[in-house]
Amino acid sequence: MRISTLTMAICLALPAGFAAGSASADPSTTAARTQAAQAAQNKIAREQRAAQDQIAREQQQAVEQMEREQQQAVEQMKREQQQAVEQMKREQEQAIERARREQEQAIKQMEKEQQNAVE
């Protein structure tokens, strides 16, 4: 079973506190326990800073990933819009060409009918 650093620091600090109140406490033992408790607190603080740094890195990476995905989505939308515009232009040109041919045919038909009427 693994004992956490915080639990160990509390276990070391409590006897030191009780020993400080007793007349028979050995000053070197009390100092050693105080140093051990301080070392445990320092270790906890380092671990907390490391965890906070890791969280900050992960958050930054997530933000950068979202920015990349957003940029890719914008670029994809621009491509799709450009393709839609080009398709609309082609369709418009085809419609104009079709209307022009129909108009030419209508004019030829009218000329033919007029010539037949004259004869």
N, C-alpha and C. Protein backbone atom coordinates (compact mmCIF):
# COMPACT_ATOMS: atom_id res chain seq x y z
N MET A 1 0.85 -1.17 0.00
CA MET A 1 0.00 0.00 0.00
C MET A 1 0.89 1.23 0.00
N ARG A 2 0.53 2.22 -0.79
CA ARG A 2 1.34 3.42 -0.94
C ARG A 2 0.77 4.53 -0.07
N ILE A 3 1.63 5.19 0.68
CA ILE A 3 1.20 6.30 1.53
C ILE A 3 1.54 7.59 0.81
N SER A 4 0.57 8.48 0.72
CA SER A 4 0.80 9.73 0.00
C SER A 4 1.77 10.61 0.78
N THR A 5 2.38 11.53 0.06
CA THR A 5 3.35 12.45 0.67
C THR A 5 2.67 13.31 1.73
N LEU A 6 1.45 13.74 1.47
CA LEU A 6 0.73 14.57 2.43
C LEU A 6 0.46 13.80 3.71
N THR A 7 0.05 12.55 3.61
CA THR A 7 -0.21 11.72 4.79
C THR A 7 1.07 11.53 5.59
N MET A 8 2.16 11.30 4.88
CA MET A 8 3.43 11.11 5.56
C MET A 8 3.85 12.39 6.28
N ALA A 9 3.66 13.53 5.65
CA ALA A 9 4.03 14.81 6.27
C ALA A 9 3.22 15.05 7.53
N ILE A 10 1.94 14.73 7.49
CA ILE A 10 1.08 14.91 8.68
C ILE A 10 1.53 13.97 9.78
N CYS A 11 1.81 12.72 9.44
CA CYS A 11 2.26 11.75 10.44
C CYS A 11 3.57 12.17 11.09
N LEU A 12 4.45 12.75 10.29
CA LEU A 12 5.74 13.19 10.83
C LEU A 12 5.57 14.46 11.65
N ALA A 13 4.68 15.33 11.24
CA ALA A 13 4.52 16.61 11.92
C ALA A 13 3.79 16.47 13.25
N LEU A 14 2.81 15.59 13.33
CA LEU A 14 2.04 15.44 14.57
C LEU A 14 2.91 15.03 15.75
N PRO A 15 3.71 13.98 15.63
CA PRO A 15 4.56 13.62 16.77
C PRO A 15 5.53 14.75 17.13
N ALA A 16 5.98 15.49 16.14
CA ALA A 16 6.89 16.60 16.43
C ALA A 16 6.18 17.65 17.26
N GLY A 17 4.93 17.88 16.96
CA GLY A 17 4.15 18.85 17.73
C GLY A 17 3.93 18.39 19.16
N PHE A 18 3.63 17.11 19.32
CA PHE A 18 3.42 16.59 20.67
C PHE A 18 4.74 16.58 21.45
N ALA A 19 5.81 16.22 20.76
CA ALA A 19 7.11 16.13 21.42
C ALA A 19 7.59 17.50 21.84
N ALA A 20 7.25 18.52 21.13
CA ALA A 20 7.70 19.87 21.47
C ALA A 20 7.12 20.30 22.81
N GLY A 21 5.97 19.76 23.17
CA GLY A 21 5.34 20.12 24.44
C GLY A 21 5.87 19.32 25.61
N SER A 22 6.57 18.26 25.37
CA SER A 22 7.04 17.43 26.48
C SER A 22 8.45 17.83 26.89
N ALA A 23 8.76 17.68 28.13
CA ALA A 23 10.06 18.08 28.65
C ALA A 23 11.15 17.10 28.24
N SER A 24 10.76 15.87 27.91
CA SER A 24 11.76 14.86 27.61
C SER A 24 12.07 14.80 26.10
N ALA A 25 11.56 15.73 25.35
CA ALA A 25 11.76 15.70 23.90
C ALA A 25 13.23 15.96 23.58
N ASP A 26 13.72 15.15 22.64
CA ASP A 26 15.10 15.31 22.18
C ASP A 26 15.10 16.38 21.10
N PRO A 27 15.85 17.47 21.28
CA PRO A 27 15.84 18.55 20.29
C PRO A 27 16.28 18.10 18.91
N SER A 28 17.19 17.16 18.83
CA SER A 28 17.63 16.71 17.51
C SER A 28 16.54 15.92 16.80
N THR A 29 15.76 15.15 17.55
CA THR A 29 14.64 14.40 16.97
C THR A 29 13.58 15.37 16.48
N THR A 30 13.29 16.38 17.30
CA THR A 30 12.29 17.37 16.93
C THR A 30 12.73 18.11 15.68
N ALA A 31 13.98 18.49 15.61
CA ALA A 31 14.51 19.19 14.43
C ALA A 31 14.44 18.29 13.21
N ALA A 32 14.76 17.03 13.36
CA ALA A 32 14.73 16.09 12.24
C ALA A 32 13.31 15.92 11.73
N ARG A 33 12.37 15.83 12.66
CA ARG A 33 10.97 15.69 12.25
C ARG A 33 10.48 16.96 11.55
N THR A 34 10.89 18.11 12.07
CA THR A 34 10.50 19.38 11.45
C THR A 34 11.08 19.48 10.05
N GLN A 35 12.34 19.07 9.90
CA GLN A 35 12.96 19.09 8.58
C GLN A 35 12.27 18.12 7.62
N ALA A 36 11.90 16.97 8.12
CA ALA A 36 11.21 15.98 7.29
C ALA A 36 9.84 16.52 6.85
N ALA A 37 9.15 17.16 7.79
CA ALA A 37 7.85 17.73 7.45
C ALA A 37 8.01 18.84 6.42
N GLN A 38 9.02 19.67 6.59
CA GLN A 38 9.27 20.75 5.63
C GLN A 38 9.64 20.18 4.27
N ALA A 39 10.45 19.15 4.26
CA ALA A 39 10.83 18.51 3.00
C ALA A 39 9.59 17.93 2.30
N ALA A 40 8.70 17.32 3.09
CA ALA A 40 7.47 16.76 2.51
C ALA A 40 6.59 17.87 1.95
N GLN A 41 6.49 18.99 2.67
CA GLN A 41 5.69 20.12 2.18
C GLN A 41 6.31 20.69 0.90
N ASN A 42 7.63 20.77 0.86
CA ASN A 42 8.30 21.26 -0.35
C ASN A 42 8.03 20.33 -1.53
N LYS A 43 8.07 19.02 -1.26
CA LYS A 43 7.81 18.06 -2.32
C LYS A 43 6.37 18.20 -2.82
N ILE A 44 5.43 18.36 -1.92
CA ILE A 44 4.03 18.55 -2.31
C ILE A 44 3.89 19.81 -3.16
N ALA A 45 4.55 20.88 -2.74
CA ALA A 45 4.48 22.14 -3.50
C ALA A 45 5.05 21.96 -4.91
N ARG A 46 6.17 21.23 -5.03
CA ARG A 46 6.76 20.96 -6.35
C ARG A 46 5.81 20.14 -7.22
N GLU A 47 5.20 19.12 -6.61
CA GLU A 47 4.26 18.28 -7.36
C GLU A 47 3.04 19.09 -7.82
N GLN A 48 2.57 19.98 -6.95
CA GLN A 48 1.44 20.83 -7.33
C GLN A 48 1.82 21.75 -8.49
N ARG A 49 3.00 22.36 -8.40
CA ARG A 49 3.45 23.23 -9.49
C ARG A 49 3.59 22.45 -10.78
N ALA A 50 4.16 21.25 -10.69
CA ALA A 50 4.32 20.41 -11.89
C ALA A 50 2.96 20.06 -12.48
N ALA A 51 2.00 19.74 -11.63
CA ALA A 51 0.65 19.41 -12.12
C ALA A 51 0.01 20.63 -12.76
N GLN A 52 0.17 21.79 -12.13
CA GLN A 52 -0.39 23.02 -12.70
C GLN A 52 0.26 23.35 -14.04
N ASP A 53 1.57 23.16 -14.12
CA ASP A 53 2.27 23.39 -15.39
C ASP A 53 1.78 22.44 -16.47
N GLN A 54 1.57 21.18 -16.10
CA GLN A 54 1.07 20.19 -17.05
C GLN A 54 -0.33 20.57 -17.54
N ILE A 55 -1.17 20.99 -16.63
CA ILE A 55 -2.53 21.42 -17.00
C ILE A 55 -2.46 22.61 -17.94
N ALA A 56 -1.60 23.56 -17.64
CA ALA A 56 -1.46 24.75 -18.49
C ALA A 56 -0.98 24.36 -19.89
N ARG A 57 -0.02 23.43 -19.96
CA ARG A 57 0.47 22.96 -21.27
C ARG A 57 -0.66 22.28 -22.05
N GLU A 58 -1.41 21.42 -21.37
CA GLU A 58 -2.50 20.72 -22.04
C GLU A 58 -3.58 21.69 -22.52
N GLN A 59 -3.87 22.71 -21.70
CA GLN A 59 -4.86 23.71 -22.10
C GLN A 59 -4.36 24.48 -23.32
N GLN A 60 -3.09 24.84 -23.31
CA GLN A 60 -2.51 25.56 -24.45
C GLN A 60 -2.56 24.71 -25.71
N GLN A 61 -2.24 23.45 -25.58
CA GLN A 61 -2.30 22.54 -26.73
C GLN A 61 -3.72 22.41 -27.25
N ALA A 62 -4.68 22.35 -26.34
CA ALA A 62 -6.09 22.25 -26.75
C ALA A 62 -6.51 23.51 -27.49
N VAL A 63 -6.10 24.67 -26.98
CA VAL A 63 -6.43 25.93 -27.64
C VAL A 63 -5.81 25.97 -29.04
N GLU A 64 -4.55 25.60 -29.14
CA GLU A 64 -3.87 25.60 -30.44
C GLU A 64 -4.55 24.63 -31.41
N GLN A 65 -4.95 23.46 -30.91
CA GLN A 65 -5.64 22.48 -31.77
C GLN A 65 -6.97 23.04 -32.25
N MET A 66 -7.72 23.69 -31.35
CA MET A 66 -9.00 24.28 -31.75
C MET A 66 -8.78 25.38 -32.78
N GLU A 67 -7.74 26.18 -32.61
CA GLU A 67 -7.44 27.24 -33.58
C GLU A 67 -7.11 26.64 -34.95
N ARG A 68 -6.32 25.55 -34.95
CA ARG A 68 -5.99 24.89 -36.22
C ARG A 68 -7.26 24.34 -36.89
N GLU A 69 -8.10 23.70 -36.10
CA GLU A 69 -9.33 23.13 -36.66
C GLU A 69 -10.25 24.24 -37.18
N GLN A 70 -10.31 25.34 -36.45
CA GLN A 70 -11.13 26.46 -36.89
C GLN A 70 -10.59 27.04 -38.20
N GLN A 71 -9.29 27.19 -38.29
CA GLN A 71 -8.67 27.70 -39.52
C GLN A 71 -8.94 26.76 -40.69
N GLN A 72 -8.83 25.47 -40.44
CA GLN A 72 -9.10 24.49 -41.49
C GLN A 72 -10.57 24.57 -41.93
N ALA A 73 -11.46 24.75 -40.98
CA ALA A 73 -12.88 24.86 -41.32
C ALA A 73 -13.14 26.10 -42.15
N VAL A 74 -12.50 27.22 -41.80
CA VAL A 74 -12.66 28.46 -42.56
C VAL A 74 -12.14 28.27 -43.98
N GLU A 75 -10.97 27.66 -44.11
CA GLU A 75 -10.40 27.42 -45.44
C GLU A 75 -11.29 26.50 -46.26
N GLN A 76 -11.86 25.48 -45.62
CA GLN A 76 -12.77 24.56 -46.32
C GLN A 76 -14.01 25.31 -46.79
N MET A 77 -14.55 26.17 -45.94
CA MET A 77 -15.73 26.95 -46.33
C MET A 77 -15.41 27.87 -47.50
N LYS A 78 -14.24 28.49 -47.48
CA LYS A 78 -13.84 29.36 -48.58
C LYS A 78 -13.75 28.57 -49.89
N ARG A 79 -13.15 27.38 -49.82
CA ARG A 79 -13.05 26.53 -51.02
C ARG A 79 -14.44 26.17 -51.53
N GLU A 80 -15.31 25.78 -50.62
CA GLU A 80 -16.67 25.40 -51.02
C GLU A 80 -17.42 26.59 -51.62
N GLN A 81 -17.25 27.77 -51.02
CA GLN A 81 -17.89 28.96 -51.58
C GLN A 81 -17.36 29.26 -52.97
N GLN A 82 -16.05 29.15 -53.14
CA GLN A 82 -15.45 29.41 -54.45
C GLN A 82 -15.98 28.42 -55.48
N GLN A 83 -16.07 27.17 -55.09
CA GLN A 83 -16.60 26.15 -56.00
C GLN A 83 -18.05 26.44 -56.35
N ALA A 84 -18.83 26.88 -55.36
CA ALA A 84 -20.24 27.20 -55.61
C ALA A 84 -20.36 28.38 -56.57
N VAL A 85 -19.51 29.39 -56.38
CA VAL A 85 -19.52 30.56 -57.27
C VAL A 85 -19.16 30.14 -58.69
N GLU A 86 -18.14 29.33 -58.83
CA GLU A 86 -17.72 28.86 -60.15
C GLU A 86 -18.83 28.02 -60.81
N GLN A 87 -19.49 27.18 -60.03
CA GLN A 87 -20.59 26.38 -60.56
C GLN A 87 -21.74 27.28 -61.01
N MET A 88 -22.06 28.29 -60.22
CA MET A 88 -23.13 29.22 -60.60
C MET A 88 -22.77 29.98 -61.87
N LYS A 89 -21.52 30.37 -62.01
CA LYS A 89 -21.08 31.06 -63.23
C LYS A 89 -21.23 30.15 -64.45
N ARG A 90 -20.81 28.89 -64.31
CA ARG A 90 -20.95 27.93 -65.41
C ARG A 90 -22.42 27.75 -65.79
N GLU A 91 -23.25 27.59 -64.79
CA GLU A 91 -24.68 27.40 -65.05
C GLU A 91 -25.28 28.65 -65.71
N GLN A 92 -24.84 29.82 -65.26
CA GLN A 92 -25.35 31.06 -65.85
C GLN A 92 -24.90 31.18 -67.30
N GLU A 93 -23.63 30.87 -67.57
CA GLU A 93 -23.13 30.90 -68.94
C GLU A 93 -23.88 29.91 -69.82
N GLN A 94 -24.15 28.74 -69.30
CA GLN A 94 -24.89 27.73 -70.06
C GLN A 94 -26.32 28.21 -70.33
N ALA A 95 -26.94 28.83 -69.35
CA ALA A 95 -28.30 29.33 -69.53
C ALA A 95 -28.32 30.45 -70.57
N ILE A 96 -27.32 31.33 -70.53
CA ILE A 96 -27.23 32.41 -71.52
C ILE A 96 -27.04 31.83 -72.91
N GLU A 97 -26.16 30.86 -73.03
CA GLU A 97 -25.89 30.23 -74.34
C GLU A 97 -27.15 29.53 -74.85
N ARG A 98 -27.84 28.83 -73.97
CA ARG A 98 -29.08 28.14 -74.35
C ARG A 98 -30.14 29.16 -74.81
N ALA A 99 -30.28 30.25 -74.08
CA ALA A 99 -31.24 31.29 -74.44
C ALA A 99 -30.87 31.91 -75.79
N ARG A 100 -29.58 32.13 -76.02
CA ARG A 100 -29.13 32.71 -77.29
C ARG A 100 -29.46 31.77 -78.47
N ARG A 101 -29.19 30.47 -78.28
CA ARG A 101 -29.52 29.50 -79.33
C ARG A 101 -31.03 29.45 -79.60
N GLU A 102 -31.80 29.45 -78.52
CA GLU A 102 -33.26 29.43 -78.69
C GLU A 102 -33.74 30.69 -79.41
N GLN A 103 -33.12 31.80 -79.06
CA GLN A 103 -33.50 33.06 -79.73
C GLN A 103 -33.14 33.01 -81.21
N GLU A 104 -31.96 32.49 -81.54
CA GLU A 104 -31.55 32.36 -82.95
C GLU A 104 -32.51 31.44 -83.70
N GLN A 105 -32.88 30.35 -83.07
CA GLN A 105 -33.81 29.42 -83.72
C GLN A 105 -35.17 30.09 -83.93
N ALA A 106 -35.60 30.85 -82.94
CA ALA A 106 -36.89 31.55 -83.06
C ALA A 106 -36.84 32.56 -84.19
N ILE A 107 -35.72 33.27 -84.30
CA ILE A 107 -35.57 34.26 -85.38
C ILE A 107 -35.57 33.55 -86.73
N LYS A 108 -34.84 32.46 -86.88
CA LYS A 108 -34.81 31.70 -88.12
C LYS A 108 -36.20 31.19 -88.47
N GLN A 109 -36.91 30.72 -87.45
CA GLN A 109 -38.25 30.21 -87.68
C GLN A 109 -39.17 31.32 -88.16
N MET A 110 -39.06 32.51 -87.55
CA MET A 110 -39.89 33.65 -87.96
C MET A 110 -39.53 34.08 -89.38
N GLU A 111 -38.24 34.11 -89.70
CA GLU A 111 -37.82 34.48 -91.05
C GLU A 111 -38.35 33.49 -92.07
N LYS A 112 -38.32 32.20 -91.71
CA LYS A 112 -38.80 31.16 -92.59
C LYS A 112 -40.31 31.32 -92.82
N GLU A 113 -41.02 31.60 -91.72
CA GLU A 113 -42.46 31.78 -91.83
C GLU A 113 -42.80 33.03 -92.66
N GLN A 114 -42.02 34.08 -92.50
CA GLN A 114 -42.25 35.30 -93.28
C GLN A 114 -41.99 35.04 -94.76
N GLN A 115 -40.94 34.30 -95.06
CA GLN A 115 -40.62 33.99 -96.45
C GLN A 115 -41.71 33.12 -97.06
N ASN A 116 -42.21 32.19 -96.29
CA ASN A 116 -43.29 31.33 -96.78
C ASN A 116 -44.55 32.15 -97.00
N ALA A 117 -44.77 33.13 -96.14
CA ALA A 117 -45.96 33.98 -96.29
C ALA A 117 -45.83 34.87 -97.51
N VAL A 118 -44.63 35.33 -97.85
CA VAL A 118 -44.39 36.21 -99.00
C VAL A 118 -44.59 35.40 -100.28
N GLU A 119 -44.20 34.21 -100.31
CA GLU A 119 -44.29 33.39 -101.52
C GLU A 119 -45.65 32.94 -101.74
